[in-house]
Amino acid sequence: MKFFNVLERYRVPQFLLPNRYRQLETYSPDEAVEAEPELEAQKKNIYYTVYAFDEIAADIFKTKDVKDCFINYVDTDKIFWINVDGIRKKEVRKLCGHFNVHNLLVNDIVSVGQRAKTDEIDEHFFCLLPMLTYNEELGIVEKEQLSILLGKNYVMSFQTEHHKDPFNGIRQKLKNKLDAVRKKSADYLCYLLIDAVVDDYFEVLESLAHRLEDLEHRAISTRSNNNILVEISNLRNEIMVMRRALTPVRDLVYSFWKSQSPLIDSSNARFFKDIFDHILLAIEYNESYRDMTINLQDLYMNQVNTKMNEVMKILTVVTVLLAPATVIGGIFGMNFERIPMLHNQFGFYLTIVLMMAVSVGMLVYFKKKDWF
């Protein structure tokens, strides 16, 4: 049985759009799967994806025109998810105007670079949080802002970039008639979106852990290298980026968990509690990685200092051992008429033996004192 009716641009189900957008044609789900990469490849455009579902059926359509998203969400029992790839202020304001979203929330959506936050105004529950990915080539943590707007029977998500998002699993759930998301309210879909973002944090943390293990191995097994110290410092900066991103998300999830908003079903509070436990665990991992980088930096510096001390000790021993030879050579090199063994045919050899004997005696003494 087909659960998805896939529609091309300007072709949407009649129950979704005003009258001017009706008289439509239905396509198969396979065509939608093939069309999705084509949309993602054109990164300069803004794309809208609308999901409409209930226990019986689920529909999806994609479009580039914001007017196609002006759905009739009042006189229907379906749940809607509108996902916006890319932010264009004028179009965001049009879309939010159709859903009577307060201007303060609209300003938060179009303002990029904010910290995670939640807000509840009128009939909407709003949250903003970062989606984090690890760039293996540059070795940095990249952030993308995600805004989620929860209404009575709809959820709108706004992504600033056209990069890969963590919502493919949710899209698969929507295709499954038996999945819980098809039977629950819109706040459960909101939970799934936030949970997918938080789960992605652990992948970033895992990449940072692998990088930390590699640096630890190199710092212990190789000679002093200034590049390692720079890499440790860079890794510590990326961990601090994670810390600044994760801490506000903890407060965000707590707000959902303890919220008394009528938009959030009390039976779904336990799901947000589960996310709260996950974000606490992510913060704990990140803090442990931060401590490990500090310890690794101290270990590396102690290792460098230890090697330097060993070199200085060897140079000191060599200097001390050569000191008697220098003194003896200086004495016999003075310009006096009478110097012991000056005319002795074995005087030179005896002097060399004396120098070596004194040095060997000092070397034995240092060894007994366990100075090296």
Foldseek 3Di string as FASTA:
>chain_A
DFQEWEFEALADDPQWAPPVSDPHDTDGPVVVVVCVVVVLVPFVAKKKKKWKFALPHIYIYMYRDLNSRLTDPPPDPIAMEIEIAADDLVSLVVNVVSVVHDPVLSVVQRDPDDAWDWDDDDFKTKIKAWQWDADPVVRAIDTWIWIWIFGQRYIYIYTNGSDDAQCPVVVVLRRDSPHVVNHDGVVVVVLVRLLSRLVSLVVVLVVLVVVLVVLLVCLVPDDDDVVSLVVLVVSLVRLVVVLSRLVSVLVVLVCLLPPPDPSRDPVCSVSSVVSNVSSVVSNVSSVVSNVSSVVSSVVSVVVNVVVVVVVVLVVVLVVVLCVLVVVLVVQVVDPDPDDPCPVPPCVVVVSVVVSVVVSVVVVVVCVVVVVD
